[in-house]
Amino acid sequence: MKTAWMLLARYDGLPIIPVEKVCADFFTHLEPVKFVQKVDRGEIKLPLVRIEGSKRAARGVHVNDLAAWIDARREAAAKELRQLTE
């Protein structure tokens, strides 16, 4: 099953997942403010979407971007495992 489809099912079809939900489910060690700071500094390579141009607008992560990030993390872990076991 594709990661994006699983995320769509998890978030009831939301195309943009609020930062708070992303943190609660995937970055439990970070508060939303710290998560956004790390993204802004490029420490977490995940694009954040603003629904409106205002700096105060809520931010979220597009489901396809989150799926790609999860898949990339999985591939990096699989590569590391292959290197350790070969």
N, C-alpha and C. Protein backbone atom coordinates (compact mmCIF):
# COMPACT_ATOMS: atom_id res chain seq x y z
N MET A 1 0.85 -1.19 0.00
CA MET A 1 0.00 0.00 0.00
C MET A 1 0.89 1.25 0.00
N LYS A 2 0.52 2.24 -0.71
CA LYS A 2 1.28 3.48 -0.81
C LYS A 2 1.16 4.30 0.49
N THR A 3 2.26 4.91 0.86
CA THR A 3 2.29 5.70 2.09
C THR A 3 1.28 6.84 2.04
N ALA A 4 1.18 7.51 0.92
CA ALA A 4 0.23 8.62 0.81
C ALA A 4 -1.21 8.16 1.06
N TRP A 5 -1.57 7.00 0.55
CA TRP A 5 -2.93 6.49 0.77
C TRP A 5 -3.16 6.19 2.25
N MET A 6 -2.14 5.64 2.90
CA MET A 6 -2.28 5.36 4.33
C MET A 6 -2.43 6.65 5.13
N LEU A 7 -1.68 7.68 4.74
CA LEU A 7 -1.81 8.96 5.43
C LEU A 7 -3.17 9.59 5.18
N LEU A 8 -3.66 9.49 3.96
CA LEU A 8 -5.00 10.02 3.67
C LEU A 8 -6.05 9.32 4.53
N ALA A 9 -5.91 8.02 4.69
CA ALA A 9 -6.85 7.28 5.54
C ALA A 9 -6.70 7.72 7.00
N ARG A 10 -5.47 7.90 7.44
CA ARG A 10 -5.20 8.29 8.82
C ARG A 10 -5.78 9.66 9.15
N TYR A 11 -5.70 10.57 8.20
CA TYR A 11 -6.14 11.95 8.43
C TYR A 11 -7.45 12.26 7.73
N ASP A 12 -8.27 11.26 7.51
CA ASP A 12 -9.62 11.43 6.96
C ASP A 12 -9.64 12.24 5.66
N GLY A 13 -8.66 12.01 4.80
CA GLY A 13 -8.64 12.65 3.49
C GLY A 13 -8.13 14.07 3.46
N LEU A 14 -7.60 14.57 4.56
CA LEU A 14 -7.06 15.94 4.56
C LEU A 14 -5.84 16.02 3.65
N PRO A 15 -5.80 16.94 2.71
CA PRO A 15 -4.62 17.07 1.87
C PRO A 15 -3.47 17.78 2.58
N ILE A 16 -3.81 18.70 3.49
CA ILE A 16 -2.82 19.43 4.28
C ILE A 16 -3.03 19.04 5.74
N ILE A 17 -1.98 18.49 6.34
CA ILE A 17 -2.06 18.04 7.72
C ILE A 17 -1.48 19.14 8.62
N PRO A 18 -2.25 19.60 9.59
CA PRO A 18 -1.76 20.67 10.46
C PRO A 18 -0.46 20.27 11.17
N VAL A 19 0.40 21.25 11.38
CA VAL A 19 1.69 21.02 12.04
C VAL A 19 1.50 20.31 13.38
N GLU A 20 0.49 20.68 14.12
CA GLU A 20 0.26 20.07 15.42
C GLU A 20 0.04 18.56 15.32
N LYS A 21 -0.70 18.14 14.30
CA LYS A 21 -0.94 16.70 14.11
C LYS A 21 0.31 15.98 13.64
N VAL A 22 1.07 16.62 12.76
CA VAL A 22 2.31 16.02 12.28
C VAL A 22 3.26 15.81 13.46
N CYS A 23 3.37 16.80 14.32
CA CYS A 23 4.23 16.69 15.50
C CYS A 23 3.74 15.59 16.44
N ALA A 24 2.45 15.57 16.69
CA ALA A 24 1.90 14.58 17.62
C ALA A 24 2.13 13.16 17.12
N ASP A 25 2.12 12.95 15.82
CA ASP A 25 2.23 11.60 15.28
C ASP A 25 3.64 11.19 14.86
N PHE A 26 4.48 12.14 14.43
CA PHE A 26 5.78 11.77 13.88
C PHE A 26 6.96 12.45 14.56
N PHE A 27 6.74 13.52 15.27
CA PHE A 27 7.81 14.26 15.94
C PHE A 27 7.43 14.48 17.39
N THR A 28 7.16 13.40 18.10
CA THR A 28 6.65 13.50 19.47
C THR A 28 7.65 14.17 20.41
N HIS A 29 8.91 14.20 20.02
CA HIS A 29 9.94 14.82 20.85
C HIS A 29 10.01 16.34 20.65
N LEU A 30 9.22 16.87 19.73
CA LEU A 30 9.25 18.31 19.43
C LEU A 30 7.88 18.95 19.65
N GLU A 31 7.92 20.15 20.20
CA GLU A 31 6.72 20.98 20.24
C GLU A 31 6.54 21.58 18.85
N PRO A 32 5.32 21.92 18.44
CA PRO A 32 5.11 22.48 17.11
C PRO A 32 5.99 23.69 16.79
N VAL A 33 6.23 24.57 17.76
CA VAL A 33 7.06 25.75 17.52
C VAL A 33 8.49 25.32 17.18
N LYS A 34 9.03 24.37 17.92
CA LYS A 34 10.39 23.87 17.66
C LYS A 34 10.46 23.16 16.31
N PHE A 35 9.42 22.40 15.98
CA PHE A 35 9.35 21.72 14.69
C PHE A 35 9.43 22.73 13.55
N VAL A 36 8.64 23.79 13.62
CA VAL A 36 8.63 24.82 12.58
C VAL A 36 10.00 25.49 12.50
N GLN A 37 10.62 25.75 13.64
CA GLN A 37 11.96 26.36 13.63
C GLN A 37 12.96 25.46 12.92
N LYS A 38 12.91 24.15 13.21
CA LYS A 38 13.84 23.21 12.56
C LYS A 38 13.59 23.14 11.06
N VAL A 39 12.34 23.19 10.66
CA VAL A 39 12.02 23.19 9.23
C VAL A 39 12.54 24.47 8.59
N ASP A 40 12.30 25.60 9.23
CA ASP A 40 12.76 26.89 8.70
C ASP A 40 14.28 26.95 8.57
N ARG A 41 15.00 26.28 9.46
CA ARG A 41 16.47 26.26 9.40
C ARG A 41 16.99 25.19 8.45
N GLY A 42 16.10 24.35 7.92
CA GLY A 42 16.52 23.29 7.00
C GLY A 42 16.99 22.03 7.69
N GLU A 43 16.81 21.92 8.99
CA GLU A 43 17.22 20.73 9.72
C GLU A 43 16.27 19.55 9.47
N ILE A 44 15.03 19.86 9.22
CA ILE A 44 14.03 18.87 8.81
C ILE A 44 13.61 19.28 7.42
N LYS A 45 13.86 18.44 6.45
CA LYS A 45 13.61 18.78 5.05
C LYS A 45 12.18 18.39 4.67
N LEU A 46 11.26 19.24 5.08
CA LEU A 46 9.84 19.02 4.84
C LEU A 46 9.21 20.38 4.53
N PRO A 47 8.62 20.57 3.34
CA PRO A 47 8.02 21.87 3.05
C PRO A 47 6.74 22.09 3.86
N LEU A 48 6.61 23.31 4.39
CA LEU A 48 5.40 23.68 5.10
C LEU A 48 4.55 24.57 4.21
N VAL A 49 3.26 24.35 4.25
CA VAL A 49 2.31 25.07 3.42
C VAL A 49 1.56 26.06 4.29
N ARG A 50 1.43 27.28 3.80
CA ARG A 50 0.54 28.27 4.42
C ARG A 50 -0.67 28.38 3.51
N ILE A 51 -1.83 28.25 4.09
CA ILE A 51 -3.05 28.34 3.29
C ILE A 51 -3.26 29.75 2.80
N GLU A 52 -2.73 30.72 3.53
CA GLU A 52 -2.86 32.12 3.16
C GLU A 52 -1.47 32.74 3.24
N GLY A 53 -1.27 33.85 2.60
CA GLY A 53 0.03 34.49 2.56
C GLY A 53 0.50 35.12 3.87
N SER A 54 -0.38 35.28 4.81
CA SER A 54 -0.04 35.93 6.07
C SER A 54 0.96 35.11 6.86
N LYS A 55 1.90 35.80 7.53
CA LYS A 55 2.87 35.09 8.38
C LYS A 55 2.19 34.45 9.58
N ARG A 56 1.02 34.88 9.93
CA ARG A 56 0.30 34.32 11.07
C ARG A 56 -0.62 33.18 10.68
N ALA A 57 -0.70 32.88 9.39
CA ALA A 57 -1.58 31.82 8.93
C ALA A 57 -1.10 30.46 9.44
N ALA A 58 -2.04 29.58 9.66
CA ALA A 58 -1.70 28.23 10.10
C ALA A 58 -0.85 27.54 9.03
N ARG A 59 0.05 26.70 9.49
CA ARG A 59 0.92 25.97 8.57
C ARG A 59 0.63 24.49 8.69
N GLY A 60 0.90 23.79 7.60
CA GLY A 60 0.70 22.35 7.59
C GLY A 60 1.63 21.71 6.58
N VAL A 61 1.54 20.39 6.50
CA VAL A 61 2.37 19.61 5.59
C VAL A 61 1.44 18.90 4.60
N HIS A 62 1.73 19.03 3.32
CA HIS A 62 0.93 18.34 2.31
C HIS A 62 1.15 16.84 2.46
N VAL A 63 0.10 16.08 2.31
CA VAL A 63 0.16 14.64 2.52
C VAL A 63 1.21 13.97 1.62
N ASN A 64 1.36 14.43 0.39
CA ASN A 64 2.37 13.84 -0.51
C ASN A 64 3.79 14.14 -0.05
N ASP A 65 4.00 15.34 0.49
CA ASP A 65 5.33 15.69 1.00
C ASP A 65 5.68 14.86 2.23
N LEU A 66 4.72 14.67 3.12
CA LEU A 66 4.95 13.84 4.30
C LEU A 66 5.20 12.39 3.90
N ALA A 67 4.44 11.91 2.94
CA ALA A 67 4.64 10.53 2.46
C ALA A 67 6.03 10.36 1.86
N ALA A 68 6.47 11.31 1.06
CA ALA A 68 7.80 11.25 0.46
C ALA A 68 8.88 11.28 1.54
N TRP A 69 8.70 12.11 2.55
CA TRP A 69 9.66 12.20 3.64
C TRP A 69 9.74 10.87 4.40
N ILE A 70 8.58 10.29 4.70
CA ILE A 70 8.55 9.00 5.40
C ILE A 70 9.22 7.93 4.54
N ASP A 71 8.91 7.89 3.26
CA ASP A 71 9.52 6.90 2.36
C ASP A 71 11.03 7.08 2.27
N ALA A 72 11.50 8.31 2.25
CA ALA A 72 12.94 8.58 2.21
C ALA A 72 13.62 8.12 3.50
N ARG A 73 12.98 8.36 4.64
CA ARG A 73 13.53 7.90 5.92
C ARG A 73 13.57 6.37 5.97
N ARG A 74 12.55 5.73 5.42
CA ARG A 74 12.52 4.27 5.38
C ARG A 74 13.65 3.74 4.51
N GLU A 75 13.85 4.35 3.35
CA GLU A 75 14.91 3.91 2.44
C GLU A 75 16.29 4.11 3.08
N ALA A 76 16.49 5.21 3.79
CA ALA A 76 17.77 5.44 4.47
C ALA A 76 18.01 4.39 5.54
N ALA A 77 16.97 4.01 6.27
CA ALA A 77 17.10 2.98 7.29
C ALA A 77 17.40 1.62 6.66
N ALA A 78 16.74 1.31 5.54
CA ALA A 78 16.98 0.04 4.84
C ALA A 78 18.41 -0.01 4.31
N LYS A 79 18.91 1.09 3.78
CA LYS A 79 20.28 1.16 3.27
C LYS A 79 21.27 0.93 4.40
N GLU A 80 21.02 1.57 5.54
CA GLU A 80 21.90 1.40 6.70
C GLU A 80 21.91 -0.06 7.16
N LEU A 81 20.75 -0.69 7.19
CA LEU A 81 20.67 -2.09 7.57
C LEU A 81 21.45 -2.98 6.61
N ARG A 82 21.31 -2.73 5.31
CA ARG A 82 22.06 -3.52 4.31
C ARG A 82 23.57 -3.37 4.52
N GLN A 83 24.01 -2.17 4.82
CA GLN A 83 25.45 -1.94 5.04
C GLN A 83 25.95 -2.65 6.27
N LEU A 84 25.11 -2.71 7.29
CA LEU A 84 25.51 -3.37 8.53
C LEU A 84 25.51 -4.89 8.44
N THR A 85 24.67 -5.42 7.57
CA THR A 85 24.51 -6.88 7.52
C THR A 85 25.23 -7.53 6.34
N GLU A 86 25.89 -6.77 5.51
CA GLU A 86 26.59 -7.37 4.36
C GLU A 86 28.04 -7.58 4.67
